[in-house]
N, C-alpha and C. Protein backbone atom coordinates (compact mmCIF):
# COMPACT_ATOMS: atom_id res chain seq x y z
N MET A 1 76.12 104.17 110.25
CA MET A 1 75.04 103.26 109.61
C MET A 1 76.19 102.11 109.80
N GLU A 2 75.83 100.64 110.15
CA GLU A 2 77.10 99.96 110.03
C GLU A 2 76.23 98.71 109.23
N LEU A 3 77.20 98.13 108.76
CA LEU A 3 76.81 96.33 108.01
C LEU A 3 76.19 95.79 108.68
N ARG A 4 76.49 95.46 110.03
CA ARG A 4 75.82 94.85 111.11
C ARG A 4 74.35 95.20 111.41
N GLN A 5 74.02 96.38 111.56
CA GLN A 5 72.83 97.26 111.89
C GLN A 5 71.92 97.12 110.41
N LEU A 6 72.36 96.62 109.13
CA LEU A 6 71.85 96.50 107.98
C LEU A 6 71.17 95.44 108.05
N LYS A 7 72.36 94.40 108.69
CA LYS A 7 71.93 92.65 108.35
C LYS A 7 70.96 92.64 109.41
N TYR A 8 70.91 93.20 110.41
CA TYR A 8 69.71 92.95 111.62
C TYR A 8 68.42 93.45 111.11
N PHE A 9 68.64 94.76 110.55
CA PHE A 9 67.18 95.05 109.66
C PHE A 9 66.60 94.17 108.96
N ILE A 10 67.23 93.68 108.08
CA ILE A 10 66.90 92.82 106.95
C ILE A 10 66.21 91.71 107.64
N LYS A 11 66.78 90.87 108.76
CA LYS A 11 66.45 89.70 108.86
C LYS A 11 64.92 89.98 109.68
N THR A 12 64.59 90.86 110.56
CA THR A 12 63.77 91.77 111.46
C THR A 12 62.58 92.06 110.49
N ALA A 13 62.79 92.66 109.10
CA ALA A 13 61.96 92.93 108.18
C ALA A 13 61.75 91.64 107.71
N GLU A 14 62.22 90.57 107.17
CA GLU A 14 62.09 89.26 106.84
C GLU A 14 60.98 88.46 107.68
N THR A 15 61.20 88.81 108.72
CA THR A 15 60.43 87.62 109.96
C THR A 15 59.26 88.39 110.41
N LEU A 16 59.55 90.00 110.69
CA LEU A 16 58.62 90.78 111.04
C LEU A 16 58.27 90.09 112.71
N ASN A 17 59.43 89.71 113.23
CA ASN A 17 59.46 89.17 114.54
C ASN A 17 60.62 89.07 115.34
N PHE A 18 60.81 90.28 116.20
CA PHE A 18 62.36 90.52 116.95
C PHE A 18 62.81 89.24 117.46
N SER A 19 62.26 88.67 118.19
CA SER A 19 62.58 87.20 118.87
C SER A 19 62.98 86.15 117.60
N GLU A 20 62.30 86.11 116.68
CA GLU A 20 62.90 85.02 115.69
C GLU A 20 63.94 85.69 115.29
N ALA A 21 63.63 87.08 114.57
CA ALA A 21 65.02 87.70 114.14
C ALA A 21 66.35 87.16 114.96
N ALA A 22 66.25 87.61 116.05
CA ALA A 22 67.49 87.58 117.30
C ALA A 22 67.95 86.22 117.12
N LYS A 23 67.13 85.19 117.45
CA LYS A 23 67.51 83.75 117.02
C LYS A 23 67.95 83.35 115.97
N ALA A 24 67.69 83.84 114.49
CA ALA A 24 68.25 83.22 113.89
C ALA A 24 69.64 84.25 113.44
N LEU A 25 69.70 85.10 114.12
CA LEU A 25 70.91 86.00 113.85
C LEU A 25 71.84 85.58 115.34
N PHE A 26 71.58 84.45 116.12
CA PHE A 26 72.36 84.25 117.48
C PHE A 26 72.89 85.14 118.02
N ILE A 27 71.94 86.17 118.43
CA ILE A 27 71.91 87.34 119.38
C ILE A 27 71.13 87.67 120.12
N THR A 28 70.82 88.10 121.17
CA THR A 28 70.03 88.53 121.95
C THR A 28 68.79 89.67 121.72
N GLN A 29 67.60 89.47 121.98
CA GLN A 29 66.63 90.25 121.42
C GLN A 29 66.86 91.54 121.77
N SER A 30 67.47 91.65 123.04
CA SER A 30 68.14 93.19 123.46
C SER A 30 68.69 93.84 122.74
N THR A 31 70.05 92.78 122.33
CA THR A 31 70.85 93.39 121.03
C THR A 31 70.35 93.86 119.99
N LEU A 32 69.30 93.15 119.93
CA LEU A 32 68.74 93.57 118.22
C LEU A 32 67.93 94.61 118.41
N SER A 33 67.31 94.88 119.32
CA SER A 33 66.11 95.95 119.54
C SER A 33 67.38 97.06 119.88
N GLN A 34 68.40 97.02 120.34
CA GLN A 34 69.18 98.16 120.33
C GLN A 34 69.78 98.62 119.29
N GLN A 35 69.99 97.64 118.67
CA GLN A 35 70.70 98.15 117.27
C GLN A 35 69.66 98.57 116.12
N ILE A 36 68.77 97.88 116.11
CA ILE A 36 67.47 98.57 115.41
C ILE A 36 67.21 100.25 115.65
N ARG A 37 67.17 100.45 117.22
CA ARG A 37 66.92 101.71 117.76
C ARG A 37 68.09 102.58 117.36
N GLN A 38 69.67 102.27 117.41
CA GLN A 38 70.51 102.97 117.06
C GLN A 38 70.22 103.31 115.39
N LEU A 39 70.03 102.43 114.75
CA LEU A 39 69.95 102.84 113.01
C LEU A 39 68.61 103.34 112.92
N GLU A 40 67.53 103.39 113.41
CA GLU A 40 66.19 104.34 113.67
C GLU A 40 66.63 105.75 114.09
N SER A 41 67.42 105.94 114.89
CA SER A 41 68.25 107.25 115.77
C SER A 41 69.41 108.00 114.53
N GLU A 42 70.00 107.19 114.15
CA GLU A 42 70.84 107.68 112.63
C GLU A 42 70.15 108.06 111.83
N LEU A 43 69.12 107.55 111.24
CA LEU A 43 68.17 107.92 110.11
C LEU A 43 66.75 108.87 110.61
N ASP A 44 67.07 109.14 111.91
CA ASP A 44 65.85 109.86 112.35
C ASP A 44 64.50 110.03 112.09
N ILE A 45 64.14 108.40 111.67
CA ILE A 45 63.01 107.91 111.22
C ILE A 45 62.92 106.81 111.90
N PRO A 46 61.57 106.15 112.18
CA PRO A 46 61.15 104.57 112.47
C PRO A 46 61.22 103.91 111.52
N LEU A 47 61.53 102.68 111.67
CA LEU A 47 61.70 101.37 110.67
C LEU A 47 60.45 100.62 110.49
N PHE A 48 60.10 100.62 112.26
CA PHE A 48 59.19 99.32 112.11
C PHE A 48 58.07 100.13 113.11
N GLN A 49 56.93 99.36 112.90
CA GLN A 49 55.86 100.12 113.94
C GLN A 49 55.75 98.85 114.55
N ARG A 50 55.86 99.06 116.00
CA ARG A 50 55.75 97.98 117.15
C ARG A 50 54.26 97.91 117.77
N ASN A 51 53.82 96.97 118.29
CA ASN A 51 52.92 97.32 119.18
C ASN A 51 53.15 95.66 119.99
N SER A 52 52.33 95.33 120.95
CA SER A 52 52.48 94.17 121.80
C SER A 52 52.19 92.86 120.77
N HIS A 53 51.58 93.05 119.91
CA HIS A 53 51.12 91.64 119.28
C HIS A 53 51.77 91.22 117.88
N ALA A 54 52.29 92.85 116.85
CA ALA A 54 52.84 92.70 115.90
C ALA A 54 53.86 93.62 115.36
N VAL A 55 54.73 93.45 114.65
CA VAL A 55 55.73 94.35 113.89
C VAL A 55 55.47 94.49 112.21
N ALA A 56 55.57 95.59 112.01
CA ALA A 56 55.29 95.91 110.40
C ALA A 56 56.62 97.13 110.01
N LEU A 57 56.72 96.98 109.14
CA LEU A 57 57.71 97.76 108.40
C LEU A 57 56.85 99.37 108.12
N THR A 58 57.43 100.63 108.45
CA THR A 58 56.96 101.58 108.00
C THR A 58 57.40 101.95 106.37
N GLU A 59 56.67 102.98 106.24
CA GLU A 59 57.16 103.53 104.88
C GLU A 59 58.88 103.42 104.57
N ALA A 60 59.64 104.39 105.65
CA ALA A 60 60.49 104.15 105.28
C ALA A 60 61.44 102.87 105.62
N GLY A 61 60.85 102.19 106.29
CA GLY A 61 61.58 100.89 106.22
C GLY A 61 61.30 99.87 105.05
N GLU A 62 60.04 99.95 104.36
CA GLU A 62 59.89 99.58 103.21
C GLU A 62 60.79 100.23 102.18
N GLU A 63 60.87 101.60 102.15
CA GLU A 63 62.19 102.19 101.08
C GLU A 63 63.67 101.58 101.29
N LEU A 64 64.23 101.28 102.70
CA LEU A 64 65.19 101.06 103.16
C LEU A 64 65.65 99.38 102.44
N LEU A 65 64.82 98.90 102.95
CA LEU A 65 65.05 97.47 102.83
C LEU A 65 65.54 96.81 101.54
N PRO A 66 65.06 97.35 100.10
CA PRO A 66 65.90 96.74 98.94
C PRO A 66 67.26 97.33 98.83
N HIS A 67 67.07 98.90 99.58
CA HIS A 67 68.87 99.36 99.49
C HIS A 67 69.64 98.29 100.30
N ALA A 68 69.23 98.49 101.45
CA ALA A 68 69.94 97.35 102.80
C ALA A 68 70.34 96.20 102.01
N GLN A 69 69.62 95.49 101.16
CA GLN A 69 69.37 94.43 100.84
C GLN A 69 70.49 94.21 99.81
N LYS A 70 70.85 95.21 99.07
CA LYS A 70 71.63 95.80 97.92
C LYS A 70 72.94 95.63 98.54
N THR A 71 73.08 96.64 99.53
CA THR A 71 74.27 96.93 100.08
C THR A 71 75.11 95.73 100.58
N LEU A 72 74.13 95.22 101.39
CA LEU A 72 74.74 93.84 101.94
C LEU A 72 75.28 92.59 100.63
N ARG A 73 74.57 92.55 99.57
CA ARG A 73 75.06 91.65 98.66
C ARG A 73 76.61 92.23 98.11
N SER A 74 76.68 93.78 97.90
CA SER A 74 78.00 94.42 97.32
C SER A 74 78.92 94.36 98.41
N ALA A 75 78.67 94.45 99.52
CA ALA A 75 79.51 93.89 100.92
C ALA A 75 80.17 92.70 100.57
N GLU A 76 79.18 91.85 100.46
CA GLU A 76 79.29 90.73 100.47
C GLU A 76 80.59 89.93 99.32
N THR A 77 79.88 90.44 98.30
CA THR A 77 80.93 90.39 96.78
C THR A 77 82.03 91.09 96.81
N CYS A 78 82.15 92.15 97.59
CA CYS A 78 83.72 93.01 98.07
C CYS A 78 84.59 92.05 98.72
N PHE A 79 84.13 91.23 99.78
CA PHE A 79 84.69 90.58 100.74
C PHE A 79 84.86 89.48 99.92
N ASP A 80 84.03 88.76 98.95
CA ASP A 80 84.66 87.71 98.11
C ASP A 80 85.58 87.76 97.37
N ARG A 81 85.98 89.22 96.69
CA ARG A 81 86.64 89.31 95.58
C ARG A 81 88.11 89.48 96.31
N ILE A 82 87.78 90.45 97.81
CA ILE A 82 89.56 90.47 98.11
C ILE A 82 89.92 88.91 98.59
N ARG A 83 89.02 88.27 99.21
CA ARG A 83 89.48 86.65 99.67
C ARG A 83 90.14 86.14 98.40
N ASP A 84 89.49 86.41 97.17
CA ASP A 84 89.87 85.64 96.28
C ASP A 84 91.24 86.41 95.41
N LEU A 85 91.03 87.55 95.93
CA LEU A 85 92.75 87.99 95.73
C LEU A 85 93.92 87.67 96.74
N ARG A 86 93.45 87.70 97.62
CA ARG A 86 94.60 87.00 98.73
C ARG A 86 94.81 85.87 98.20
N SER A 87 93.97 85.08 97.83
CA SER A 87 94.04 83.53 97.30
C SER A 87 94.91 83.32 96.00
N LEU A 88 94.82 84.72 95.56
CA LEU A 88 95.10 84.87 94.06
C LEU A 88 94.72 83.74 93.14
N LEU A 89 92.98 84.29 93.15
CA LEU A 89 92.29 83.49 92.21
C LEU A 89 91.79 84.50 91.33
N THR A 90 91.87 85.46 91.80
CA THR A 90 91.35 86.68 90.70
C THR A 90 92.30 88.11 91.19
N GLY A 91 92.33 89.15 90.10
CA GLY A 91 93.26 90.00 90.19
C GLY A 91 93.69 90.15 88.66
N THR A 92 94.69 91.18 88.54
CA THR A 92 95.64 91.30 87.47
C THR A 92 96.83 90.70 87.84
N LEU A 93 97.77 90.52 86.97
CA LEU A 93 99.07 90.06 86.89
C LEU A 93 99.82 90.61 85.69
N ASN A 94 100.71 91.67 85.97
CA ASN A 94 101.72 91.98 84.92
C ASN A 94 103.15 91.69 84.67
N ILE A 95 103.34 91.15 83.81
CA ILE A 95 104.71 90.33 83.72
C ILE A 95 105.45 90.97 82.60
N GLY A 96 106.75 91.41 82.95
CA GLY A 96 107.55 91.67 81.94
C GLY A 96 108.23 90.43 81.22
N VAL A 97 108.51 90.72 79.92
CA VAL A 97 109.34 89.37 79.28
C VAL A 97 110.26 89.90 78.47
N THR A 98 111.30 89.38 78.21
CA THR A 98 112.63 90.25 76.88
C THR A 98 111.75 89.30 76.14
N PHE A 99 112.21 89.59 74.89
CA PHE A 99 111.85 88.77 73.55
C PHE A 99 112.41 87.55 73.45
N THR A 100 113.50 87.19 74.57
CA THR A 100 114.27 85.84 73.90
C THR A 100 113.19 84.93 74.81
N PHE A 101 112.49 85.35 75.89
CA PHE A 101 111.76 84.08 76.81
C PHE A 101 110.62 84.13 76.08
N SER A 102 109.85 84.97 75.08
CA SER A 102 108.43 84.53 74.47
C SER A 102 108.09 83.21 74.36
N PRO A 103 108.96 82.09 73.59
CA PRO A 103 108.49 81.06 73.12
C PRO A 103 108.65 80.23 74.68
N ILE A 104 109.46 80.71 75.64
CA ILE A 104 109.22 79.37 77.05
C ILE A 104 107.83 79.69 77.52
N LEU A 105 107.63 80.70 77.54
CA LEU A 105 106.18 81.68 78.30
C LEU A 105 105.00 80.77 77.94
N THR A 106 104.97 80.77 76.54
CA THR A 106 103.40 80.37 75.81
C THR A 106 102.84 79.36 76.49
N GLU A 107 103.53 78.05 76.76
CA GLU A 107 102.64 76.82 77.05
C GLU A 107 102.64 77.35 78.88
N THR A 108 103.66 77.79 79.39
CA THR A 108 103.34 78.21 80.73
C THR A 108 101.86 78.99 81.21
N LEU A 109 101.87 80.06 80.18
CA LEU A 109 100.72 80.96 80.40
C LEU A 109 99.48 80.23 80.12
N LEU A 110 99.46 79.79 78.97
CA LEU A 110 98.20 78.79 78.88
C LEU A 110 97.84 77.48 80.05
N THR A 111 98.87 77.30 80.67
CA THR A 111 98.37 76.26 81.90
C THR A 111 97.74 77.36 83.14
N PHE A 112 98.53 78.56 83.20
CA PHE A 112 98.39 79.55 84.10
C PHE A 112 97.08 79.95 84.27
N MET A 113 96.53 80.21 82.87
CA MET A 113 95.17 80.71 82.54
C MET A 113 94.14 79.59 82.49
N LYS A 114 94.33 78.43 82.62
CA LYS A 114 93.30 77.04 82.75
C LYS A 114 93.24 76.98 84.54
N LYS A 115 94.61 77.30 85.10
CA LYS A 115 93.93 77.04 86.43
C LYS A 115 93.61 78.48 87.28
N TYR A 116 93.92 79.54 86.42
CA TYR A 116 93.33 80.61 87.18
C TYR A 116 92.45 81.19 86.36
N PRO A 117 91.27 81.45 85.92
CA PRO A 117 90.95 81.94 84.88
C PRO A 117 90.29 83.44 85.02
N GLU A 118 90.30 83.60 86.18
CA GLU A 118 90.08 84.94 87.03
C GLU A 118 90.50 86.05 86.86
N VAL A 119 91.95 85.67 86.98
CA VAL A 119 93.23 86.31 86.78
C VAL A 119 93.37 86.97 85.52
N LYS A 120 93.63 88.09 85.34
CA LYS A 120 93.65 88.93 84.33
C LYS A 120 95.48 89.20 83.92
N LEU A 121 95.65 88.61 82.74
CA LEU A 121 97.55 88.66 82.61
C LEU A 121 97.48 89.70 81.68
N ASN A 122 98.97 90.81 81.82
CA ASN A 122 99.07 91.59 80.96
C ASN A 122 100.57 91.34 80.48
N ILE A 123 100.78 90.94 79.52
CA ILE A 123 102.31 90.60 79.21
C ILE A 123 102.66 91.69 78.21
N PHE A 124 104.03 92.17 78.89
CA PHE A 124 104.50 92.94 78.13
C PHE A 124 105.97 92.65 77.75
N TYR A 125 106.20 92.74 76.52
CA TYR A 125 107.28 92.20 75.68
C TYR A 125 108.20 93.48 75.36
N LYS A 126 109.61 93.51 75.86
CA LYS A 126 110.33 94.51 75.83
C LYS A 126 111.66 94.16 75.97
N THR A 127 112.45 95.00 75.88
CA THR A 127 114.11 94.70 76.11
C THR A 127 114.12 95.15 77.48
N MET A 128 115.44 94.21 78.09
CA MET A 128 115.73 94.35 79.40
C MET A 128 115.81 95.15 80.15
N GLU A 129 116.21 96.46 79.42
CA GLU A 129 116.24 97.85 79.78
C GLU A 129 115.02 98.67 80.36
N GLU A 130 114.37 98.73 79.49
CA GLU A 130 112.71 98.62 79.30
C GLU A 130 112.07 98.04 80.40
N LEU A 131 112.09 96.94 80.48
CA LEU A 131 111.74 96.12 81.50
C LEU A 131 112.03 96.43 82.81
N MET A 132 113.30 96.61 83.05
CA MET A 132 113.74 97.31 84.50
C MET A 132 113.64 98.46 84.63
N GLU A 133 113.04 99.35 84.00
CA GLU A 133 112.13 100.72 84.10
C GLU A 133 110.95 100.37 84.66
N MET A 134 110.22 99.60 84.00
CA MET A 134 108.79 99.48 83.84
C MET A 134 108.76 98.90 85.59
N LEU A 135 109.69 97.91 86.19
CA LEU A 135 109.97 97.15 87.26
C LEU A 135 109.93 98.22 88.34
N SER A 136 110.87 98.83 88.30
CA SER A 136 111.36 100.23 88.88
C SER A 136 110.09 101.26 89.27
N ARG A 137 109.28 101.14 88.12
CA ARG A 137 108.07 102.42 88.48
C ARG A 137 107.25 101.56 88.93
N ARG A 138 107.41 99.82 89.25
CA ARG A 138 105.81 98.87 89.58
C ARG A 138 104.97 98.93 88.50
N GLU A 139 105.38 99.23 87.44
CA GLU A 139 104.28 98.93 86.39
C GLU A 139 104.12 97.45 86.06
N VAL A 140 105.36 96.77 86.19
CA VAL A 140 104.78 95.26 85.95
C VAL A 140 105.00 94.92 87.70
N ASP A 141 104.62 93.78 87.47
CA ASP A 141 104.99 92.75 89.11
C ASP A 141 106.24 92.09 88.97
N PHE A 142 106.39 91.17 87.84
CA PHE A 142 107.77 90.57 87.66
C PHE A 142 108.19 90.79 86.25
N VAL A 143 109.70 90.39 86.08
CA VAL A 143 109.97 90.41 84.49
C VAL A 143 110.91 88.76 84.79
N LEU A 144 110.59 88.26 83.66
CA LEU A 144 111.24 87.07 83.15
C LEU A 144 112.25 87.39 82.12
N ALA A 145 113.54 87.15 82.45
CA ALA A 145 114.77 87.94 81.72
C ALA A 145 116.13 87.30 82.09
N PHE A 146 117.13 87.52 81.16
CA PHE A 146 117.89 86.42 81.83
C PHE A 146 118.68 87.56 82.98
N LYS A 147 119.88 87.11 83.86
CA LYS A 147 120.04 88.14 84.92
C LYS A 147 120.47 89.19 84.57
N PRO A 148 120.29 90.23 84.84
CA PRO A 148 120.65 91.84 84.82
C PRO A 148 122.27 91.62 84.72
N THR A 149 122.76 92.49 83.55
CA THR A 149 123.96 92.28 84.04
C THR A 149 124.63 93.60 84.66
N ARG A 150 123.74 94.38 85.06
CA ARG A 150 124.17 95.57 86.41
C ARG A 150 123.10 95.13 87.36
N ARG A 151 123.84 95.74 88.49
CA ARG A 151 122.88 95.65 89.54
C ARG A 151 121.84 96.99 90.15
N TYR A 152 120.66 96.50 90.01
CA TYR A 152 119.60 97.25 90.66
C TYR A 152 119.50 97.26 91.95
N GLU A 153 119.66 98.39 92.60
CA GLU A 153 119.41 98.39 94.02
C GLU A 153 118.04 97.99 94.72
N GLU A 154 117.05 98.36 94.27
CA GLU A 154 115.50 98.30 94.39
C GLU A 154 114.81 97.18 94.01
N ILE A 155 115.75 96.57 93.07
CA ILE A 155 115.47 95.05 92.41
C ILE A 155 115.84 93.79 92.77
N GLU A 156 115.54 92.91 93.32
CA GLU A 156 115.76 91.54 94.00
C GLU A 156 115.67 90.45 92.61
N SER A 157 116.48 89.49 92.16
CA SER A 157 116.59 88.93 91.05
C SER A 157 116.90 87.63 92.04
N HIS A 158 116.58 86.34 91.20
CA HIS A 158 116.37 84.80 91.58
C HIS A 158 116.42 83.92 90.52
N ILE A 159 117.56 83.22 90.42
CA ILE A 159 117.48 82.39 89.12
C ILE A 159 116.80 81.16 89.20
N LEU A 160 115.99 81.07 88.22
CA LEU A 160 114.54 80.18 88.19
C LEU A 160 115.35 78.38 87.64
N PHE A 161 116.35 78.60 86.79
CA PHE A 161 116.71 77.64 86.22
C PHE A 161 118.62 77.63 85.73
N ASP A 162 119.44 76.94 85.77
CA ASP A 162 120.50 77.14 85.59
C ASP A 162 120.55 76.19 84.15
N ASN A 163 121.23 76.46 82.86
CA ASN A 163 120.95 76.00 81.57
C ASN A 163 122.62 76.07 81.12
N HIS A 164 122.75 74.94 80.52
CA HIS A 164 124.23 74.86 79.89
C HIS A 164 124.03 75.20 78.05
N LEU A 165 124.37 76.01 77.30
CA LEU A 165 124.13 76.04 75.93
C LEU A 165 125.28 74.91 75.57
N SER A 166 124.48 74.11 74.61
CA SER A 166 125.11 73.06 73.82
C SER A 166 124.87 73.04 72.63
N ALA A 167 126.18 72.72 71.87
CA ALA A 167 126.17 72.34 70.32
C ALA A 167 125.87 71.11 69.81
N ILE A 168 124.92 70.35 69.59
CA ILE A 168 124.37 69.20 69.44
C ILE A 168 124.59 68.68 67.88
N VAL A 169 125.32 67.62 67.38
CA VAL A 169 125.25 67.37 65.97
C VAL A 169 125.27 65.80 65.93
N SER A 170 125.01 65.35 64.67
CA SER A 170 125.08 64.08 64.75
C SER A 170 126.52 63.35 64.66
N ASN A 171 126.67 62.20 65.14
CA ASN A 171 127.65 61.76 65.32
C ASN A 171 128.50 61.53 63.87
N ARG A 172 127.45 61.27 62.41
CA ARG A 172 128.58 61.64 61.62
C ARG A 172 128.77 62.86 60.75
N HIS A 173 128.53 64.02 61.59
CA HIS A 173 128.83 65.05 61.48
C HIS A 173 130.37 65.33 61.31
N PRO A 174 130.95 65.99 60.66
CA PRO A 174 132.37 66.31 60.82
C PRO A 174 132.52 67.36 61.88
N SER A 175 133.45 67.24 62.68
CA SER A 175 133.65 68.34 63.86
C SER A 175 134.63 69.00 63.48
N PRO A 176 134.67 70.43 64.13
CA PRO A 176 136.03 70.96 63.64
C PRO A 176 137.35 70.67 64.25
N THR A 177 137.43 69.29 65.14
CA THR A 177 138.70 69.20 65.47
C THR A 177 138.89 68.10 64.06
N ASP A 178 138.09 67.66 63.47
CA ASP A 178 138.15 66.54 62.51
C ASP A 178 139.04 67.19 60.98
N THR A 179 139.12 68.39 61.03
CA THR A 179 139.57 68.97 59.63
C THR A 179 141.03 68.91 59.73
N PRO A 180 141.38 68.37 58.35
CA PRO A 180 142.91 68.36 58.30
C PRO A 180 143.93 69.64 58.65
């Protein structure tokens, strides 16, 4: 049983007319009839009563229809979810963060959550060593931390920004060089 056959069956059941169903599906009537016959053969029971003037659902067809509709809706939902996942509109993102980066991350996470409300975020605050182990075991998707001091063969690092540490004081504050 194929989704295509269920789609054809549903349209034929809705119209109770092979010609109209084929037209609505943009296929030939012979293709539609063949696919319905294959479905009936696979199920080993007729789904339609046919005569030269009318088409009607059999008891088996009546029974199949709601299940076929539910199956097609589920398949469409599945395709939509995968498309959203591929487009980064849904899914789960596991982020490892060292404690030092916690204050920097808060505002960025709020912005991300507003932009991608269907993405579930799991944030793990750990030490650098713990996060590297989690990354190695693929328990997190990425880590925000200072560049590791040792090299990990299976882990790739990228510098996001270069920052210089500065001591900033008022011009009225005595500097260490001003002492006698």
